[in-house]
């Protein structure tokens, strides 16, 4: 028995994820949900129907044995969408109250479920989990003035705190306005942050030695951890190429050797749909170092917005050349 169709689909996708197979939806409507294995010849079947009096769903048929060959049991977990991962993370977040970083999510999913996630999917899953547990950030922000008013009315001693909250809110509005104006004036492809990061890496990469393995693989030696670069897969053993979606210093050395265009290997989309405008957000973040000391770190992120909806873009439009 499942309390809703959403709960039913979540349980079924978690089951498929655990048993390492892909499901194929054969019928889905308001009162019935049927799925089978991705292999049409496999005898695995599942059918659930909605109970007439209420929102509960019950299982009518469940043939759990698979008749497909081992080669047909895919291990890429197509059902492991950002939504599913966010649902898996939500109970942990509700208990701990601490939201994991995308790289921590990538590690946990690899260890617990054998999933290899891109940084962007881990980031989307993190935000979905936070929204499930804490609610929409936009709604919370809109409720802030009313909350401050109630706080002052109930407890006059909280006036300094509410004044501080109002100041922070006004300051954020000013920042958004200034960053939006700055972002709207950009006309090229990469943000200033990405440009500076790639420039620094590029300068360092000139000191590296490189040995081609074949036409796409390169052994780049930097004197420390070194790196094996695969330009076809846009990857490096140092992991920065995959995680940052920008070429690492090892990859820059290989790209320069092959005389390729840099933007071919930048995997963050810079195109925005018509009607979207940019907001460049800059802020300070407190990070705890290994020695327990808090360090203030300056961070910049670019969002695009349309009618109140925010979407992380990760890049502005400022050029960079090798």
Protein backbone atom coordinates (compact mmCIF):
# COMPACT_ATOMS: atom_id res chain seq x y z
CA UNK A 1 0.00 0.00 0.00
CA UNK A 2 1.33 3.43 -1.00
CA UNK A 3 -0.01 6.79 0.22
CA UNK A 4 0.31 8.43 -3.21
CA UNK A 5 1.37 7.83 -6.80
CA UNK A 6 4.54 9.81 -6.11
CA UNK A 7 5.42 7.48 -3.22
CA UNK A 8 4.71 4.49 -5.46
CA UNK A 9 6.97 5.74 -8.27
CA UNK A 10 9.73 6.61 -5.80
CA UNK A 11 9.67 3.15 -4.22
CA UNK A 12 9.69 1.48 -7.63
CA UNK A 13 12.61 3.56 -8.91
CA UNK A 14 14.58 2.92 -5.73
CA UNK A 15 13.92 -0.80 -6.19
CA UNK A 16 15.19 -0.64 -9.79
CA UNK A 17 18.23 1.32 -8.65
CA UNK A 18 19.03 -1.22 -5.95
CA UNK A 19 18.64 -4.23 -8.28
CA UNK A 20 20.50 -2.50 -11.12
CA UNK A 21 17.92 -2.57 -13.92
CA UNK A 22 15.88 -0.05 -15.90
CA UNK A 23 12.09 0.10 -15.89
CA UNK A 24 9.86 0.90 -18.84
CA UNK A 25 6.48 2.58 -18.19
CA UNK A 26 3.81 0.83 -20.23
CA UNK A 27 0.76 2.62 -18.84
CA UNK A 28 0.28 5.62 -16.57
CA UNK A 29 -2.99 7.39 -15.81
CA UNK A 30 -4.88 8.75 -12.82
CA UNK A 31 -5.99 5.30 -11.66
CA UNK A 32 -3.43 2.81 -12.98
CA UNK A 33 0.37 2.50 -13.22
CA UNK A 34 2.10 -0.32 -15.10
CA UNK A 35 5.78 -0.89 -15.80
CA UNK A 36 8.00 -3.59 -17.22
CA UNK A 37 11.70 -4.19 -17.76
CA UNK A 38 13.44 -2.14 -20.44
CA UNK A 39 13.83 -5.40 -22.38
CA UNK A 40 10.37 -6.00 -23.93
CA UNK A 41 10.97 -9.77 -23.88
CA UNK A 42 11.59 -9.86 -20.13
CA UNK A 43 8.75 -11.23 -17.99
CA UNK A 44 9.21 -8.67 -15.18
CA UNK A 45 5.89 -6.86 -14.66
CA UNK A 46 4.44 -4.49 -12.10
CA UNK A 47 0.91 -3.10 -11.89
CA UNK A 48 -0.67 -0.86 -9.25
CA UNK A 49 -4.11 0.77 -9.08
CA UNK A 50 -5.58 3.62 -7.09
CA UNK A 51 -8.11 2.77 -4.39
CA UNK A 52 -11.45 4.42 -5.14
CA UNK A 53 -12.00 6.00 -1.73
CA UNK A 54 -8.83 8.06 -1.19
CA UNK A 55 -5.38 8.65 -2.65
CA UNK A 56 -3.86 5.32 -1.69
CA UNK A 57 -2.44 2.93 -4.29
CA UNK A 58 -2.23 -0.84 -4.03
CA UNK A 59 -0.23 -3.43 -5.99
CA UNK A 60 -2.29 -5.73 -8.22
CA UNK A 61 0.49 -7.66 -9.97
CA UNK A 62 4.20 -8.09 -9.37
CA UNK A 63 6.34 -10.51 -11.38
CA UNK A 64 9.76 -9.76 -9.92
CA UNK A 65 11.84 -12.39 -11.77
CA UNK A 66 13.80 -11.20 -14.82
CA UNK A 67 14.18 -13.36 -17.91
CA UNK A 68 16.48 -10.96 -19.80
CA UNK A 69 20.16 -11.76 -20.28
CA UNK A 70 22.87 -10.21 -18.14
CA UNK A 71 24.02 -8.08 -21.10
CA UNK A 72 20.60 -6.48 -21.23
CA UNK A 73 20.60 -5.47 -17.57
CA UNK A 74 21.88 -1.92 -17.90
CA UNK A 75 24.01 -0.49 -15.13
CA UNK A 76 23.77 3.15 -16.10
CA UNK A 77 20.69 3.79 -13.93
CA UNK A 78 18.68 6.04 -16.25
CA UNK A 79 16.11 6.37 -13.45
CA UNK A 80 18.73 7.98 -11.20
CA UNK A 81 17.51 11.46 -12.05
CA UNK A 82 18.19 14.55 -9.96
CA UNK A 83 14.61 14.19 -8.61
CA UNK A 84 15.22 10.62 -7.41
CA UNK A 85 18.55 11.48 -5.80
CA UNK A 86 16.94 14.49 -4.14
CA UNK A 87 14.21 12.24 -2.70
CA UNK A 88 16.88 9.85 -1.38
CA UNK A 89 18.77 12.73 0.25
CA UNK A 90 15.70 14.42 1.80
CA UNK A 91 15.28 12.10 4.86
CA UNK A 92 18.98 12.44 5.72
CA UNK A 93 18.77 16.22 5.43
CA UNK A 94 15.64 16.34 7.61
CA UNK A 95 17.42 14.42 10.39
CA UNK A 96 20.86 16.07 10.26
CA UNK A 97 19.81 19.57 9.19
CA UNK A 98 23.09 19.79 7.27
CA UNK A 99 22.99 19.99 3.50
CA UNK A 100 25.74 18.03 1.75
CA UNK A 101 28.02 19.65 -0.78
CA UNK A 102 27.67 18.40 -4.39
CA UNK A 103 31.04 16.60 -4.24
CA UNK A 104 29.96 14.84 -1.02
CA UNK A 105 26.74 13.76 -2.76
CA UNK A 106 28.79 12.42 -5.68
CA UNK A 107 30.92 10.38 -3.28
CA UNK A 108 27.93 9.05 -1.28
CA UNK A 109 26.01 8.00 -4.40
CA UNK A 110 29.11 6.23 -5.75
CA UNK A 111 29.72 4.35 -2.49
CA UNK A 112 26.09 3.57 -1.59
CA UNK A 113 24.55 2.98 -5.02
CA UNK A 114 27.43 2.64 -7.48
CA UNK A 115 26.30 5.81 -9.28
CA UNK A 116 28.74 8.07 -11.07
CA UNK A 117 27.20 11.56 -11.06
CA UNK A 118 28.17 14.75 -12.80
CA UNK A 119 28.63 17.76 -10.54
CA UNK A 120 25.66 19.54 -12.13
CA UNK A 121 23.26 16.65 -11.38
CA UNK A 122 24.50 16.46 -7.78
CA UNK A 123 23.91 20.21 -7.46
CA UNK A 124 20.33 19.90 -8.79
CA UNK A 125 19.66 17.00 -6.40
CA UNK A 126 21.00 19.05 -3.48
CA UNK A 127 18.62 21.93 -4.28
CA UNK A 128 15.64 19.61 -4.70
CA UNK A 129 16.35 17.99 -1.32
CA UNK A 130 16.68 21.40 0.35
CA UNK A 131 13.37 22.50 -1.19
CA UNK A 132 11.67 19.30 0.00
CA UNK A 133 12.85 19.83 3.58
CA UNK A 134 13.08 23.61 3.99
CA UNK A 135 10.62 24.82 1.36
CA UNK A 136 11.15 27.19 -1.55
CA UNK A 137 13.87 29.85 -0.98
CA UNK A 138 11.77 32.39 -2.89
CA UNK A 139 8.77 31.80 -0.62
CA UNK A 140 10.94 32.04 2.51
CA UNK A 141 12.41 35.31 1.28
CA UNK A 142 8.96 36.80 0.58
CA UNK A 143 7.81 35.82 4.08
CA UNK A 144 10.80 37.48 5.76
CA UNK A 145 9.21 40.96 6.26
CA UNK A 146 6.08 39.42 7.83
CA UNK A 147 8.24 37.24 10.07
CA UNK A 148 10.25 40.25 11.23
CA UNK A 149 7.03 42.16 12.00
CA UNK A 150 5.64 39.30 14.08
CA UNK A 151 8.97 38.93 15.86
CA UNK A 152 9.00 42.59 16.87
CA UNK A 153 5.34 42.47 17.95
CA UNK A 154 5.82 39.38 20.11
CA UNK A 155 9.16 40.19 21.67
CA UNK A 156 10.40 43.80 21.81
CA UNK A 157 13.84 42.61 22.86
CA UNK A 158 14.44 41.20 19.40
CA UNK A 159 14.44 44.65 17.76
CA UNK A 160 18.25 44.75 17.14
CA UNK A 161 18.03 41.30 15.46
CA UNK A 162 15.13 42.26 13.19
CA UNK A 163 16.86 45.52 12.29
CA UNK A 164 19.90 43.50 11.26
CA UNK A 165 17.73 41.15 9.17
CA UNK A 166 16.12 44.13 7.42
CA UNK A 167 19.56 45.59 6.74
CA UNK A 168 20.77 42.30 5.24
CA UNK A 169 17.65 42.06 3.06
CA UNK A 170 18.11 45.62 1.76
CA UNK A 171 21.79 44.97 1.12
CA UNK A 172 20.97 41.81 -0.87
CA UNK A 173 18.46 43.71 -2.99
CA UNK A 174 21.15 46.30 -3.74
CA UNK A 175 23.65 43.56 -4.63
CA UNK A 176 21.20 41.85 -6.97
CA UNK A 177 20.51 45.15 -8.73
CA UNK A 178 24.21 45.99 -9.15
CA UNK A 179 25.16 42.47 -10.30
CA UNK A 180 22.22 42.34 -12.69
CA UNK A 181 23.35 45.58 -14.30
CA UNK A 182 26.94 44.31 -14.52
CA UNK A 183 25.86 41.00 -16.05
CA UNK A 184 23.58 42.67 -18.61
CA UNK A 185 26.58 44.55 -20.03
CA UNK A 186 28.54 41.37 -20.76
CA UNK A 187 28.73 40.42 -24.43
CA UNK A 188 31.22 37.52 -24.64
CA UNK A 189 31.38 33.90 -23.55
CA UNK A 190 33.00 33.35 -20.12
CA UNK A 191 32.63 35.10 -16.78
CA UNK A 192 35.44 37.12 -15.26
CA UNK A 193 35.78 34.43 -12.59
CA UNK A 194 36.11 31.65 -15.20
CA UNK A 195 38.47 33.77 -17.30
CA UNK A 196 40.78 34.44 -14.36
CA UNK A 197 40.69 30.80 -13.30
CA UNK A 198 41.58 29.53 -16.76
CA UNK A 199 44.24 32.20 -17.22
CA UNK A 200 46.00 31.14 -14.03
CA UNK A 201 45.79 27.46 -14.99
CA UNK A 202 47.05 28.22 -18.47
CA UNK A 203 50.11 30.05 -17.15
CA UNK A 204 50.91 27.08 -14.92
CA UNK A 205 50.38 24.53 -17.71
CA UNK A 206 53.22 26.02 -19.80
CA UNK A 207 55.67 24.50 -17.30
CA UNK A 208 54.32 20.95 -17.77
CA UNK A 209 55.84 18.19 -19.86
CA UNK A 210 53.53 16.05 -21.95
CA UNK A 211 53.67 12.70 -23.72
CA UNK A 212 50.87 11.77 -26.12
CA UNK A 213 49.51 8.25 -25.57
CA UNK A 214 47.34 8.35 -28.69
CA UNK A 215 45.35 11.01 -30.55
CA UNK A 216 43.00 11.70 -27.59
CA UNK A 217 44.92 10.53 -24.49
CA UNK A 218 47.86 12.44 -23.01
CA UNK A 219 50.16 11.86 -20.03
CA UNK A 220 50.80 15.32 -18.59
CA UNK A 221 53.46 15.65 -15.88
CA UNK A 222 53.41 18.62 -13.53
CA UNK A 223 56.05 17.36 -11.10
CA UNK A 224 53.53 16.48 -8.38
CA UNK A 225 50.30 14.53 -8.95
CA UNK A 226 50.43 14.56 -12.79
CA UNK A 227 47.36 13.73 -14.91
CA UNK A 228 46.11 11.46 -17.67
CA UNK A 229 43.89 13.55 -19.96
CA UNK A 230 41.24 12.16 -22.31
CA UNK A 231 40.11 14.97 -24.61
CA UNK A 232 37.38 12.84 -26.18
CA UNK A 233 35.70 12.20 -22.81
CA UNK A 234 36.70 15.62 -21.42
CA UNK A 235 38.24 14.01 -18.36
CA UNK A 236 41.46 13.96 -16.35
CA UNK A 237 42.64 11.75 -13.51
CA UNK A 238 42.97 14.87 -11.31
CA UNK A 239 39.11 15.08 -11.52
CA UNK A 240 39.04 18.88 -11.94
CA UNK A 241 38.08 18.63 -15.63
CA UNK A 242 34.96 16.57 -14.78
CA UNK A 243 33.93 18.36 -11.59
CA UNK A 244 34.45 21.99 -12.64
CA UNK A 245 33.26 21.46 -16.25
CA UNK A 246 36.24 23.63 -17.21
CA UNK A 247 39.58 22.30 -18.51
CA UNK A 248 42.15 21.68 -15.78
CA UNK A 249 45.78 22.75 -16.21
CA UNK A 250 46.67 19.27 -17.53
CA UNK A 251 43.90 19.47 -20.13
CA UNK A 252 44.96 22.99 -21.17
CA UNK A 253 48.45 21.68 -21.96
CA UNK A 254 46.94 18.88 -24.08
CA UNK A 255 44.51 21.26 -25.85
CA UNK A 256 47.34 23.63 -26.68
CA UNK A 257 49.48 20.75 -28.02
CA UNK A 258 46.62 19.65 -30.33
CA UNK A 259 45.91 23.23 -31.40
CA UNK A 260 42.24 22.82 -30.50
CA UNK A 261 39.77 25.58 -29.61
CA UNK A 262 39.34 26.00 -25.87
CA UNK A 263 35.56 26.56 -25.94
CA UNK A 264 35.12 23.10 -27.48
CA UNK A 265 36.09 21.69 -24.08
CA UNK A 266 34.05 24.04 -21.87
CA UNK A 267 30.97 22.03 -20.94
CA UNK A 268 28.98 24.74 -19.16
CA UNK A 269 26.25 26.07 -21.45
CA UNK A 270 26.46 29.82 -22.00
CA UNK A 271 23.31 30.15 -24.10
CA UNK A 272 20.18 31.63 -22.56
CA UNK A 273 16.64 31.37 -23.79
CA UNK A 274 14.95 34.57 -25.08
CA UNK A 275 13.51 36.67 -22.29
CA UNK A 276 16.03 35.53 -19.68
CA UNK A 277 18.22 38.16 -18.02
CA UNK A 278 21.38 37.64 -16.02
CA UNK A 279 22.04 38.19 -12.32
CA UNK A 280 25.64 38.02 -11.08
CA UNK A 281 25.64 37.18 -7.37
CA UNK A 282 28.76 37.82 -5.28
CA UNK A 283 29.01 36.91 -1.60
CA UNK A 284 31.37 35.85 1.16
CA UNK A 285 31.18 32.27 2.45
CA UNK A 286 32.67 30.97 5.70
CA UNK A 287 34.56 27.70 5.21
CA UNK A 288 36.00 25.62 8.06
CA UNK A 289 39.63 24.72 7.43
CA UNK A 290 41.32 21.49 8.54
CA UNK A 291 42.76 23.26 11.59
CA UNK A 292 39.28 24.36 12.68
CA UNK A 293 39.75 28.03 11.76
CA UNK A 294 36.99 29.78 9.82
CA UNK A 295 38.14 31.40 6.60
CA UNK A 296 36.11 33.92 4.58
CA UNK A 297 35.96 33.03 0.88
CA UNK A 298 34.74 35.32 -1.92
CA UNK A 299 32.31 33.54 -4.28
CA UNK A 300 30.63 34.63 -7.53
CA UNK A 301 27.76 32.84 -9.27
CA UNK A 302 25.74 33.78 -12.33
CA UNK A 303 21.99 33.17 -12.48
CA UNK A 304 19.53 33.87 -15.25
CA UNK A 305 15.97 34.83 -14.39
CA UNK A 306 12.59 35.14 -16.02
CA UNK A 307 9.39 36.21 -14.22
CA UNK A 308 10.87 35.40 -10.82
CA UNK A 309 12.35 31.99 -11.70
CA UNK A 310 16.08 31.58 -11.05
CA UNK A 311 18.38 29.25 -12.98
CA UNK A 312 22.09 28.76 -12.28
CA UNK A 313 24.11 29.38 -15.44
CA UNK A 314 27.65 29.02 -13.98
CA UNK A 315 29.11 31.25 -16.67
CA UNK A 316 28.79 34.79 -17.88
CA UNK A 317 29.84 35.92 -21.31
CA UNK A 318 33.45 37.18 -21.22
CA UNK A 319 36.09 35.82 -23.62
CA UNK A 320 39.29 33.90 -22.89
CA UNK A 321 42.12 32.95 -25.19
CA UNK A 322 45.06 30.57 -24.74
